Amino acid sequence: MLRSTQELFHNKGMAVVALVALAALSGPAHAESYPARPVRLVVPYAAGGAVDVIARVLGASMGTLLGQTVVVEDKPGGSANIGAEYVAKAPADGYTLLLGSVGLTTNGALFSNLGYDTLRDFAPVERVGYAPLVFVVDAASPAKSLKDLIAMARAKPGALTYGSSGNGSSAHLAGELLKSMAGIDLVHVPYKGGAPAMTDLLGGRLSFMANNPIEVIPHIRSGKLRALAVGGRERLPLLPDVPTVAEQGLPGYEATVWWGVLAPAHTPPAIVKTLSDDAAKALNDPDVRKKLADAGAVISPEGPDAFGTFLRGEIAKWTRVIQSSGIRPE
């Protein structure tokens, strides 16, 4: 009887050891199977805007490399905070990602009750690139240059309006910087994304807008919008005849947008590396580069470490600008 009992415990012990060993072996195997289902790439802005366009071009290529569909999901609102918080609180398993933009480095200074912290709650995956903002008016506007626009603003203080994808967005900051440097009075009109703001500009309900090339170049080419100035340090190759803001009397002016892929914090490093590697490969694909370059984007891939350093620098810079300008969310 004793022997039978000992054998029973021995056999159970061996079974436990076997189960532990099996679990240890299955862990790496499970991790190596990533991704085993579709990956969601959340855009915190309205469909049809620049971030949405970048996400769809990049997502399609990454999906091919990952061997799974990358589903782009638009979650606009709250100055991009709704989508960002959604991803920050998602499981850190690599299946919910964020295509972030300027709001990630400005909203911390704008909102006192954010449901996330950019540096604490996200794992940088890959920086995609950037683009200089372009100042545009509708084709019926009397402004033929940025100097004309500034003169109009000085003649009628508070009469000119400009749109943006939300308070603290790149377009808003670009407008506030113009307002400050030119010494003019402008009225900011925030929207839930660049696309609805562009609709109102095309409809003549806004005086002007500083927007990224992806959203404005098609309308410039069609003759519906007129480009007045480029917000970068140099002229944009796609708009070689459009001078920079600095060339038109405001030296030192610079306003650009950027995009990057992020995952929830604590996502396994192996998964972050897989995503970063495939995003970099996608951004080096000639077809992807051409699509984004034709839209005015400058592709500049950076891995997790470099992207993280970039985010910290941008947060420090824009926090100073926002605090000195007194910008507040509505």
Foldseek 3Di string as FASTA:
>chain_A
DVVVVVVVVVVVVVVVVVVVVVVVVVVVVVLVCPPPEEAEEEEQFDDPFPLNVLCVLLQVQLCVVRVYHYHYHYNWDPLSLVRVLVQLPDDLARRYKYWDKLCLQAVVLFDPDRNDHSLQWWFFQKWWFKFWWWKKAFLPAPDQAVVSVLVVQVVPAAPAEEEDLFFRDLFNLLVLVCCVQSVGHYHYDHHRHDVVRVVCRLVVNHGITTGGLLNCVVCVVVSGMHTHATQAPADQPVCNPHYHPCVVPRPPGHGMMTIGMIGTPPNDPVSSNSSNVSSVVSSPPPVSVVVQVNSRTDTDMDGRVVVSVVSVVSNVVNSVVCVVSVGYGD
